[in-house]
């Protein structure tokens, strides 16, 4: 059974700004590479919901692998300086339906 982590991030910047676009580019390249190096990683999606909010969904093969992978990704966010611009609220659980 797959495991999903959904995270709402509140940012301290305009997410339509050039600075935000550069951060999204880094997440889409460097950040995704962090995920891909983790055992059990399936997929990651990041959505800009409005000018100060994003929603991310990460899918993993299991809860244990998802917890470890999320910890490594958050460590990268801290090291990269990106974490300085946001606060996170995460919900997680087993996937019960998919298409």
PDB file of N, CA and C in Angstrom:
ATOM      1  N   UNK A   1       0.850  -1.181   0.000  1.00  0.00           N
ATOM      2  CA  UNK A   1       0.000   0.000   0.000  1.00  0.00           C
ATOM      3  C   UNK A   1       0.890   1.237   0.000  1.00  0.00           C
ATOM      4  N   UNK A   2       0.582   2.220  -0.803  1.00  0.00           N
ATOM      5  CA  UNK A   2       1.356   3.458  -0.890  1.00  0.00           C
ATOM      6  C   UNK A   2       1.037   4.375   0.285  1.00  0.00           C
ATOM      7  N   UNK A   3       1.957   5.269   0.548  1.00  0.00           N
ATOM      8  CA  UNK A   3       1.877   6.227   1.644  1.00  0.00           C
ATOM      9  C   UNK A   3       2.033   7.626   1.062  1.00  0.00           C
ATOM     10  N   UNK A   4       1.128   8.550   1.431  1.00  0.00           N
ATOM     11  CA  UNK A   4       1.179   9.928   0.935  1.00  0.00           C
ATOM     12  C   UNK A   4       1.470  10.901   2.065  1.00  0.00           C
ATOM     13  N   UNK A   5       2.242  11.926   1.713  1.00  0.00           N
ATOM     14  CA  UNK A   5       2.473  13.057   2.606  1.00  0.00           C
ATOM     15  C   UNK A   5       2.042  14.305   1.851  1.00  0.00           C
ATOM     16  N   UNK A   6       1.122  15.061   2.430  1.00  0.00           N
ATOM     17  CA  UNK A   6       0.645  16.301   1.835  1.00  0.00           C
ATOM     18  C   UNK A   6       1.057  17.440   2.757  1.00  0.00           C
ATOM     19  N   UNK A   7       1.730  18.430   2.190  1.00  0.00           N
ATOM     20  CA  UNK A   7       2.248  19.532   2.996  1.00  0.00           C
ATOM     21  C   UNK A   7       1.789  20.865   2.422  1.00  0.00           C
ATOM     22  N   UNK A   8       1.178  21.670   3.285  1.00  0.00           N
ATOM     23  CA  UNK A   8       0.818  23.039   2.945  1.00  0.00           C
ATOM     24  C   UNK A   8       1.927  23.928   3.492  1.00  0.00           C
ATOM     25  N   UNK A   9       2.494  24.764   2.623  1.00  0.00           N
ATOM     26  CA  UNK A   9       3.541  25.692   3.033  1.00  0.00           C
ATOM     27  C   UNK A   9       3.022  27.117   2.911  1.00  0.00           C
ATOM     28  N   UNK A  10       3.268  27.907   3.941  1.00  0.00           N
ATOM     29  CA  UNK A  10       2.959  29.338   3.938  1.00  0.00           C
ATOM     30  C   UNK A  10       4.293  30.060   3.786  1.00  0.00           C
ATOM     31  N   UNK A  11       4.401  30.856   2.753  1.00  0.00           N
ATOM     32  CA  UNK A  11       5.654  31.515   2.389  1.00  0.00           C
ATOM     33  C   UNK A  11       5.646  32.979   2.807  1.00  0.00           C
ATOM     34  N   UNK A  12       6.847  33.537   3.037  1.00  0.00           N
ATOM     35  CA  UNK A  12       6.991  34.949   3.404  1.00  0.00           C
ATOM     36  C   UNK A  12       7.323  35.817   2.192  1.00  0.00           C
ATOM     37  N   UNK A  13       6.989  35.339   1.009  1.00  0.00           N
ATOM     38  CA  UNK A  13       7.282  36.079  -0.223  1.00  0.00           C
ATOM     39  C   UNK A  13       6.150  35.900  -1.217  1.00  0.00           C
ATOM     40  N   UNK A  14       6.152  36.750  -2.229  1.00  0.00           N
ATOM     41  CA  UNK A  14       5.198  36.637  -3.332  1.00  0.00           C
ATOM     42  C   UNK A  14       5.642  35.470  -4.211  1.00  0.00           C
ATOM     43  N   UNK A  15       4.827  34.451  -4.293  1.00  0.00           N
ATOM     44  CA  UNK A  15       5.198  33.246  -5.038  1.00  0.00           C
ATOM     45  C   UNK A  15       5.118  33.420  -6.558  1.00  0.00           C
ATOM     46  N   UNK A  16       4.785  34.622  -7.015  1.00  0.00           N
ATOM     47  CA  UNK A  16       4.832  34.936  -8.440  1.00  0.00           C
ATOM     48  C   UNK A  16       6.060  35.787  -8.778  1.00  0.00           C
ATOM     49  N   UNK A  17       6.915  36.021  -7.793  1.00  0.00           N
ATOM     50  CA  UNK A  17       8.109  36.857  -7.980  1.00  0.00           C
ATOM     51  C   UNK A  17       9.246  36.067  -8.627  1.00  0.00           C
ATOM     52  N   UNK A  18      10.217  36.765  -9.194  1.00  0.00           N
ATOM     53  CA  UNK A  18      11.395  36.086  -9.740  1.00  0.00           C
ATOM     54  C   UNK A  18      12.146  35.270  -8.683  1.00  0.00           C
ATOM     55  N   UNK A  19      12.202  35.768  -7.448  1.00  0.00           N
ATOM     56  CA  UNK A  19      12.860  35.026  -6.362  1.00  0.00           C
ATOM     57  C   UNK A  19      12.172  33.684  -6.134  1.00  0.00           C
ATOM     58  N   UNK A  20      10.847  33.691  -6.115  1.00  0.00           N
ATOM     59  CA  UNK A  20      10.096  32.448  -5.926  1.00  0.00           C
ATOM     60  C   UNK A  20      10.291  31.508  -7.104  1.00  0.00           C
ATOM     61  N   UNK A  21      10.292  32.043  -8.312  1.00  0.00           N
ATOM     62  CA  UNK A  21      10.508  31.203  -9.493  1.00  0.00           C
ATOM     63  C   UNK A  21      11.860  30.497  -9.419  1.00  0.00           C
ATOM     64  N   UNK A  22      12.872  31.195  -8.922  1.00  0.00           N
ATOM     65  CA  UNK A  22      14.196  30.572  -8.759  1.00  0.00           C
ATOM     66  C   UNK A  22      14.144  29.469  -7.702  1.00  0.00           C
ATOM     67  N   UNK A  23      13.427  29.698  -6.619  1.00  0.00           N
ATOM     68  CA  UNK A  23      13.279  28.659  -5.592  1.00  0.00           C
ATOM     69  C   UNK A  23      12.554  27.450  -6.166  1.00  0.00           C
ATOM     70  N   UNK A  24      11.496  27.676  -6.922  1.00  0.00           N
ATOM     71  CA  UNK A  24      10.778  26.554  -7.537  1.00  0.00           C
ATOM     72  C   UNK A  24      11.679  25.784  -8.495  1.00  0.00           C
ATOM     73  N   UNK A  25      12.519  26.495  -9.234  1.00  0.00           N
ATOM     74  CA  UNK A  25      13.455  25.836 -10.133  1.00  0.00           C
ATOM     75  C   UNK A  25      14.403  24.942  -9.337  1.00  0.00           C
ATOM     76  N   UNK A  26      14.910  25.449  -8.208  1.00  0.00           N
ATOM     77  CA  UNK A  26      15.818  24.658  -7.372  1.00  0.00           C
ATOM     78  C   UNK A  26      15.108  23.442  -6.784  1.00  0.00           C
ATOM     79  N   UNK A  27      13.881  23.610  -6.334  1.00  0.00           N
ATOM     80  CA  UNK A  27      13.122  22.471  -5.815  1.00  0.00           C
ATOM     81  C   UNK A  27      12.915  21.445  -6.920  1.00  0.00           C
ATOM     82  N   UNK A  28      12.592  21.914  -8.122  1.00  0.00           N
ATOM     83  CA  UNK A  28      12.335  21.017  -9.243  1.00  0.00           C
ATOM     84  C   UNK A  28      13.570  20.278  -9.747  1.00  0.00           C
ATOM     85  N   UNK A  29      14.740  20.775  -9.433  1.00  0.00           N
ATOM     86  CA  UNK A  29      15.975  20.108  -9.859  1.00  0.00           C
ATOM     87  C   UNK A  29      16.678  19.485  -8.658  1.00  0.00           C
ATOM     88  N   UNK A  30      17.280  20.308  -7.814  1.00  0.00           N
ATOM     89  CA  UNK A  30      18.039  19.805  -6.665  1.00  0.00           C
ATOM     90  C   UNK A  30      17.145  19.042  -5.678  1.00  0.00           C
ATOM     91  N   UNK A  31      16.001  19.623  -5.352  1.00  0.00           N
ATOM     92  CA  UNK A  31      15.105  18.997  -4.382  1.00  0.00           C
ATOM     93  C   UNK A  31      14.563  17.662  -4.856  1.00  0.00           C
ATOM     94  N   UNK A  32      14.162  17.621  -6.114  1.00  0.00           N
ATOM     95  CA  UNK A  32      13.652  16.364  -6.663  1.00  0.00           C
ATOM     96  C   UNK A  32      14.750  15.301  -6.676  1.00  0.00           C
ATOM     97  N   UNK A  33      15.991  15.714  -6.901  1.00  0.00           N
ATOM     98  CA  UNK A  33      17.094  14.748  -6.847  1.00  0.00           C
ATOM     99  C   UNK A  33      17.237  14.154  -5.444  1.00  0.00           C
ATOM    100  N   UNK A  34      17.020  14.968  -4.415  1.00  0.00           N
ATOM    101  CA  UNK A  34      17.044  14.453  -3.035  1.00  0.00           C
ATOM    102  C   UNK A  34      15.992  13.358  -2.893  1.00  0.00           C
ATOM    103  N   UNK A  35      14.781  13.622  -3.377  1.00  0.00           N
ATOM    104  CA  UNK A  35      13.730  12.607  -3.321  1.00  0.00           C
ATOM    105  C   UNK A  35      14.134  11.350  -4.089  1.00  0.00           C
ATOM    106  N   UNK A  36      14.606  11.528  -5.306  1.00  0.00           N
ATOM    107  CA  UNK A  36      14.917  10.371  -6.161  1.00  0.00           C
ATOM    108  C   UNK A  36      16.005   9.474  -5.580  1.00  0.00           C
ATOM    109  N   UNK A  37      16.869  10.014  -4.747  1.00  0.00           N
ATOM    110  CA  UNK A  37      17.921   9.207  -4.116  1.00  0.00           C
ATOM    111  C   UNK A  37      17.395   8.365  -2.957  1.00  0.00           C
ATOM    112  N   UNK A  38      16.162   8.605  -2.521  1.00  0.00           N
ATOM    113  CA  UNK A  38      15.610   7.918  -1.359  1.00  0.00           C
ATOM    114  C   UNK A  38      14.938   6.619  -1.753  1.00  0.00           C
ATOM    115  N   UNK A  39      15.213   5.540  -1.012  1.00  0.00           N
ATOM    116  CA  UNK A  39      14.502   4.280  -1.280  1.00  0.00           C
ATOM    117  C   UNK A  39      12.996   4.459  -1.087  1.00  0.00           C
ATOM    118  N   UNK A  40      12.228   3.862  -1.960  1.00  0.00           N
ATOM    119  CA  UNK A  40      10.777   3.866  -1.816  1.00  0.00           C
ATOM    120  C   UNK A  40      10.070   5.096  -2.354  1.00  0.00           C
ATOM    121  N   UNK A  41      10.822   6.053  -2.890  1.00  0.00           N
ATOM    122  CA  UNK A  41      10.194   7.248  -3.448  1.00  0.00           C
ATOM    123  C   UNK A  41       9.423   6.893  -4.715  1.00  0.00           C
ATOM    124  N   UNK A  42       8.202   7.429  -4.843  1.00  0.00           N
ATOM    125  CA  UNK A  42       7.379   7.188  -6.027  1.00  0.00           C
ATOM    126  C   UNK A  42       7.247   8.467  -6.858  1.00  0.00           C
ATOM    127  N   UNK A  43       6.700   9.539  -6.269  1.00  0.00           N
ATOM    128  CA  UNK A  43       6.529  10.783  -7.028  1.00  0.00           C
ATOM    129  C   UNK A  43       6.337  11.961  -6.085  1.00  0.00           C
ATOM    130  N   UNK A  44       6.578  13.149  -6.633  1.00  0.00           N
ATOM    131  CA  UNK A  44       6.432  14.404  -5.901  1.00  0.00           C
ATOM    132  C   UNK A  44       5.752  15.420  -6.809  1.00  0.00           C
ATOM    133  N   UNK A  45       4.834  16.183  -6.249  1.00  0.00           N
ATOM    134  CA  UNK A  45       4.159  17.259  -6.969  1.00  0.00           C
ATOM    135  C   UNK A  45       4.112  18.484  -6.063  1.00  0.00           C
ATOM    136  N   UNK A  46       4.321  19.659  -6.653  1.00  0.00           N
ATOM    137  CA  UNK A  46       4.246  20.922  -5.910  1.00  0.00           C
ATOM    138  C   UNK A  46       3.331  21.857  -6.684  1.00  0.00           C
ATOM    139  N   UNK A  47       2.336  22.395  -5.985  1.00  0.00           N
ATOM    140  CA  UNK A  47       1.352  23.282  -6.600  1.00  0.00           C
ATOM    141  C   UNK A  47       1.393  24.644  -5.917  1.00  0.00           C
ATOM    142  N   UNK A  48       1.408  25.704  -6.704  1.00  0.00           N
ATOM    143  CA  UNK A  48       1.260  27.054  -6.157  1.00  0.00           C
ATOM    144  C   UNK A  48      -0.240  27.301  -6.040  1.00  0.00           C
ATOM    145  N   UNK A  49      -0.737  27.406  -4.823  1.00  0.00           N
ATOM    146  CA  UNK A  49      -2.176  27.589  -4.597  1.00  0.00           C
ATOM    147  C   UNK A  49      -2.584  29.051  -4.701  1.00  0.00           C
ATOM    148  N   UNK A  50      -1.726  29.954  -4.249  1.00  0.00           N
ATOM    149  CA  UNK A  50      -1.962  31.386  -4.360  1.00  0.00           C
ATOM    150  C   UNK A  50      -0.623  32.091  -4.163  1.00  0.00           C
ATOM    151  N   UNK A  51      -0.641  33.389  -3.927  1.00  0.00           N
ATOM    152  CA  UNK A  51       0.596  34.174  -3.881  1.00  0.00           C
ATOM    153  C   UNK A  51       1.466  33.897  -2.659  1.00  0.00           C
ATOM    154  N   UNK A  52       0.963  33.137  -1.694  1.00  0.00           N
ATOM    155  CA  UNK A  52       1.769  32.859  -0.505  1.00  0.00           C
ATOM    156  C   UNK A  52       1.656  31.414  -0.005  1.00  0.00           C
ATOM    157  N   UNK A  53       1.021  30.537  -0.788  1.00  0.00           N
ATOM    158  CA  UNK A  53       0.773  29.166  -0.340  1.00  0.00           C
ATOM    159  C   UNK A  53       1.099  28.162  -1.439  1.00  0.00           C
ATOM    160  N   UNK A  54       1.786  27.091  -1.046  1.00  0.00           N
ATOM    161  CA  UNK A  54       1.971  25.951  -1.937  1.00  0.00           C
ATOM    162  C   UNK A  54       1.434  24.700  -1.259  1.00  0.00           C
ATOM    163  N   UNK A  55       1.099  23.726  -2.065  1.00  0.00           N
ATOM    164  CA  UNK A  55       0.676  22.416  -1.581  1.00  0.00           C
ATOM    165  C   UNK A  55       1.553  21.378  -2.280  1.00  0.00           C
ATOM    166  N   UNK A  56       2.183  20.525  -1.488  1.00  0.00           N
ATOM    167  CA  UNK A  56       3.043  19.472  -2.031  1.00  0.00           C
ATOM    168  C   UNK A  56       2.468  18.113  -1.669  1.00  0.00           C
ATOM    169  N   UNK A  57       2.612  17.171  -2.589  1.00  0.00           N
ATOM    170  CA  UNK A  57       2.211  15.785  -2.340  1.00  0.00           C
ATOM    171  C   UNK A  57       3.385  14.896  -2.715  1.00  0.00           C
ATOM    172  N   UNK A  58       3.816  14.076  -1.774  1.00  0.00           N
ATOM    173  CA  UNK A  58       4.887  13.114  -2.031  1.00  0.00           C
ATOM    174  C   UNK A  58       4.338  11.719  -1.770  1.00  0.00           C
ATOM    175  N   UNK A  59       4.597  10.816  -2.703  1.00  0.00           N
ATOM    176  CA  UNK A  59       4.120   9.439  -2.587  1.00  0.00           C
ATOM    177  C   UNK A  59       5.316   8.521  -2.368  1.00  0.00           C
ATOM    178  N   UNK A  60       5.139   7.591  -1.446  1.00  0.00           N
ATOM    179  CA  UNK A  60       6.195   6.650  -1.051  1.00  0.00           C
ATOM    180  C   UNK A  60       5.629   5.234  -1.034  1.00  0.00           C
ATOM    181  N   UNK A  61       6.501   4.258  -1.088  1.00  0.00           N
ATOM    182  CA  UNK A  61       6.070   2.856  -1.032  1.00  0.00           C
ATOM    183  C   UNK A  61       5.565   2.468   0.346  1.00  0.00           C
ATOM    184  N   UNK A  62       6.087   3.109   1.414  1.00  0.00           N
ATOM    185  CA  UNK A  62       5.663   2.763   2.770  1.00  0.00           C
ATOM    186  C   UNK A  62       5.836   3.961   3.693  1.00  0.00           C
ATOM    187  N   UNK A  63       5.203   3.910   4.840  1.00  0.00           N
ATOM    188  CA  UNK A  63       5.313   4.978   5.829  1.00  0.00           C
ATOM    189  C   UNK A  63       6.752   5.141   6.306  1.00  0.00           C
ATOM    190  N   UNK A  64       7.419   4.052   6.630  1.00  0.00           N
ATOM    191  CA  UNK A  64       8.796   4.139   7.132  1.00  0.00           C
ATOM    192  C   UNK A  64       9.711   4.827   6.124  1.00  0.00           C
ATOM    193  N   UNK A  65       9.587   4.444   4.850  1.00  0.00           N
ATOM    194  CA  UNK A  65      10.410   5.060   3.818  1.00  0.00           C
ATOM    195  C   UNK A  65      10.023   6.519   3.605  1.00  0.00           C
ATOM    196  N   UNK A  66       8.744   6.819   3.694  1.00  0.00           N
ATOM    197  CA  UNK A  66       8.274   8.198   3.538  1.00  0.00           C
ATOM    198  C   UNK A  66       8.758   9.108   4.646  1.00  0.00           C
ATOM    199  N   UNK A  67       8.748   8.615   5.878  1.00  0.00           N
ATOM    200  CA  UNK A  67       9.234   9.424   6.999  1.00  0.00           C
ATOM    201  C   UNK A  67      10.715   9.728   6.857  1.00  0.00           C
ATOM    202  N   UNK A  68      11.491   8.717   6.497  1.00  0.00           N
ATOM    203  CA  UNK A  68      12.930   8.918   6.315  1.00  0.00           C
ATOM    204  C   UNK A  68      13.207   9.863   5.143  1.00  0.00           C
ATOM    205  N   UNK A  69      12.506   9.663   4.040  1.00  0.00           N
ATOM    206  CA  UNK A  69      12.698  10.511   2.875  1.00  0.00           C
ATOM    207  C   UNK A  69      12.313  11.959   3.139  1.00  0.00           C
ATOM    208  N   UNK A  70      11.206  12.167   3.845  1.00  0.00           N
ATOM    209  CA  UNK A  70      10.764  13.523   4.170  1.00  0.00           C
ATOM    210  C   UNK A  70      11.781  14.212   5.074  1.00  0.00           C
ATOM    211  N   UNK A  71      12.349  13.472   6.000  1.00  0.00           N
ATOM    212  CA  UNK A  71      13.368  14.044   6.883  1.00  0.00           C
ATOM    213  C   UNK A  71      14.580  14.510   6.064  1.00  0.00           C
ATOM    214  N   UNK A  72      14.997  13.724   5.110  1.00  0.00           N
ATOM    215  CA  UNK A  72      16.127  14.099   4.261  1.00  0.00           C
ATOM    216  C   UNK A  72      15.791  15.306   3.391  1.00  0.00           C
ATOM    217  N   UNK A  73      14.576  15.378   2.854  1.00  0.00           N
ATOM    218  CA  UNK A  73      14.178  16.521   2.038  1.00  0.00           C
ATOM    219  C   UNK A  73      14.132  17.790   2.874  1.00  0.00           C
ATOM    220  N   UNK A  74      13.588  17.690   4.083  1.00  0.00           N
ATOM    221  CA  UNK A  74      13.534  18.872   4.951  1.00  0.00           C
ATOM    222  C   UNK A  74      14.937  19.323   5.361  1.00  0.00           C
ATOM    223  N   UNK A  75      15.839  18.377   5.539  1.00  0.00           N
ATOM    224  CA  UNK A  75      17.230  18.748   5.826  1.00  0.00           C
ATOM    225  C   UNK A  75      17.798  19.542   4.651  1.00  0.00           C
ATOM    226  N   UNK A  76      17.513  19.098   3.427  1.00  0.00           N
ATOM    227  CA  UNK A  76      17.969  19.835   2.244  1.00  0.00           C
ATOM    228  C   UNK A  76      17.348  21.228   2.204  1.00  0.00           C
ATOM    229  N   UNK A  77      16.044  21.331   2.503  1.00  0.00           N
ATOM    230  CA  UNK A  77      15.401  22.648   2.534  1.00  0.00           C
ATOM    231  C   UNK A  77      16.112  23.581   3.497  1.00  0.00           C
ATOM    232  N   UNK A  78      16.524  23.057   4.651  1.00  0.00           N
ATOM    233  CA  UNK A  78      17.250  23.865   5.625  1.00  0.00           C
ATOM    234  C   UNK A  78      18.619  24.270   5.120  1.00  0.00           C
ATOM    235  N   UNK A  79      19.367  23.313   4.586  1.00  0.00           N
ATOM    236  CA  UNK A  79      20.711  23.578   4.076  1.00  0.00           C
ATOM    237  C   UNK A  79      20.688  24.567   2.918  1.00  0.00           C
ATOM    238  N   UNK A  80      19.663  24.502   2.100  1.00  0.00           N
ATOM    239  CA  UNK A  80      19.570  25.365   0.915  1.00  0.00           C
ATOM    240  C   UNK A  80      19.121  26.785   1.252  1.00  0.00           C
ATOM    241  N   UNK A  81      18.611  26.986   2.473  1.00  0.00           N
ATOM    242  CA  UNK A  81      18.088  28.290   2.863  1.00  0.00           C
ATOM    243  C   UNK A  81      16.625  28.488   2.529  1.00  0.00           C
ATOM    244  N   UNK A  82      16.040  27.561   1.815  1.00  0.00           N
ATOM    245  CA  UNK A  82      14.638  27.691   1.415  1.00  0.00           C
ATOM    246  C   UNK A  82      13.717  27.643   2.635  1.00  0.00           C
ATOM    247  N   UNK A  83      14.053  26.815   3.616  1.00  0.00           N
ATOM    248  CA  UNK A  83      13.215  26.675   4.812  1.00  0.00           C
ATOM    249  C   UNK A  83      13.058  27.996   5.568  1.00  0.00           C
ATOM    250  N   UNK A  84      14.001  28.920   5.382  1.00  0.00           N
ATOM    251  CA  UNK A  84      13.921  30.226   6.044  1.00  0.00           C
ATOM    252  C   UNK A  84      12.719  31.033   5.578  1.00  0.00           C
ATOM    253  N   UNK A  85      12.112  30.657   4.459  1.00  0.00           N
ATOM    254  CA  UNK A  85      11.027  31.433   3.859  1.00  0.00           C
ATOM    255  C   UNK A  85       9.653  30.820   4.039  1.00  0.00           C
ATOM    256  N   UNK A  86       9.532  29.738   4.805  1.00  0.00           N
ATOM    257  CA  UNK A  86       8.229  29.088   4.889  1.00  0.00           C
ATOM    258  C   UNK A  86       7.997  28.395   6.215  1.00  0.00           C
ATOM    259  N   UNK A  87       6.729  28.121   6.475  1.00  0.00           N
ATOM    260  CA  UNK A  87       6.326  27.252   7.580  1.00  0.00           C
ATOM    261  C   UNK A  87       5.504  26.130   6.953  1.00  0.00           C
ATOM    262  N   UNK A  88       5.612  24.944   7.542  1.00  0.00           N
ATOM    263  CA  UNK A  88       5.005  23.756   6.952  1.00  0.00           C
ATOM    264  C   UNK A  88       3.963  23.132   7.872  1.00  0.00           C
ATOM    265  N   UNK A  89       2.904  22.628   7.260  1.00  0.00           N
ATOM    266  CA  UNK A  89       1.902  21.824   7.952  1.00  0.00           C
ATOM    267  C   UNK A  89       1.676  20.571   7.128  1.00  0.00           C
ATOM    268  N   UNK A  90       1.988  19.400   7.711  1.00  0.00           N
ATOM    269  CA  UNK A  90       1.939  18.148   6.963  1.00  0.00           C
ATOM    270  C   UNK A  90       0.880  17.212   7.509  1.00  0.00           C
ATOM    271  N   UNK A  91       0.218  16.548   6.609  1.00  0.00           N
ATOM    272  CA  UNK A  91      -0.708  15.443   6.907  1.00  0.00           C
ATOM    273  C   UNK A  91      -0.209  14.237   6.123  1.00  0.00           C
ATOM    274  N   UNK A  92      -0.352  13.056   6.688  1.00  0.00           N
ATOM    275  CA  UNK A  92       0.161  11.860   6.025  1.00  0.00           C
ATOM    276  C   UNK A  92      -0.746  10.674   6.332  1.00  0.00           C
ATOM    277  N   UNK A  93      -0.712   9.705   5.398  1.00  0.00           N
ATOM    278  CA  UNK A  93      -1.481   8.493   5.617  1.00  0.00           C
ATOM    279  C   UNK A  93      -1.414   7.564   4.432  1.00  0.00           C
ATOM    280  N   UNK A  94      -2.049   6.418   4.591  1.00  0.00           N
ATOM    281  CA  UNK A  94      -2.068   5.407   3.533  1.00  0.00           C
ATOM    282  C   UNK A  94      -2.978   5.851   2.394  1.00  0.00           C
ATOM    283  N   UNK A  95      -2.557   5.577   1.186  1.00  0.00           N
ATOM    284  CA  UNK A  95      -3.349   5.855   0.001  1.00  0.00           C
ATOM    285  C   UNK A  95      -4.490   4.839  -0.063  1.00  0.00           C
ATOM    286  N   UNK A  96      -5.729   5.315  -0.169  1.00  0.00           N
ATOM    287  CA  UNK A  96      -6.873   4.410  -0.193  1.00  0.00           C
ATOM    288  C   UNK A  96      -7.601   4.376  -1.531  1.00  0.00           C
ATOM    289  N   UNK A  97      -7.292   5.314  -2.436  1.00  0.00           N
ATOM    290  CA  UNK A  97      -7.857   5.296  -3.787  1.00  0.00           C
ATOM    291  C   UNK A  97      -6.916   6.044  -4.707  1.00  0.00           C
ATOM    292  N   UNK A  98      -6.840   5.586  -5.937  1.00  0.00           N
ATOM    293  CA  UNK A  98      -5.957   6.240  -6.922  1.00  0.00           C
ATOM    294  C   UNK A  98      -6.498   5.989  -8.306  1.00  0.00           C
ATOM    295  N   UNK A  99      -6.031   6.792  -9.249  1.00  0.00           N
ATOM    296  CA  UNK A  99      -6.430   6.584 -10.642  1.00  0.00           C
ATOM    297  C   UNK A  99      -5.209   6.382 -11.501  1.00  0.00           C
TER     298      UNK A  99
END
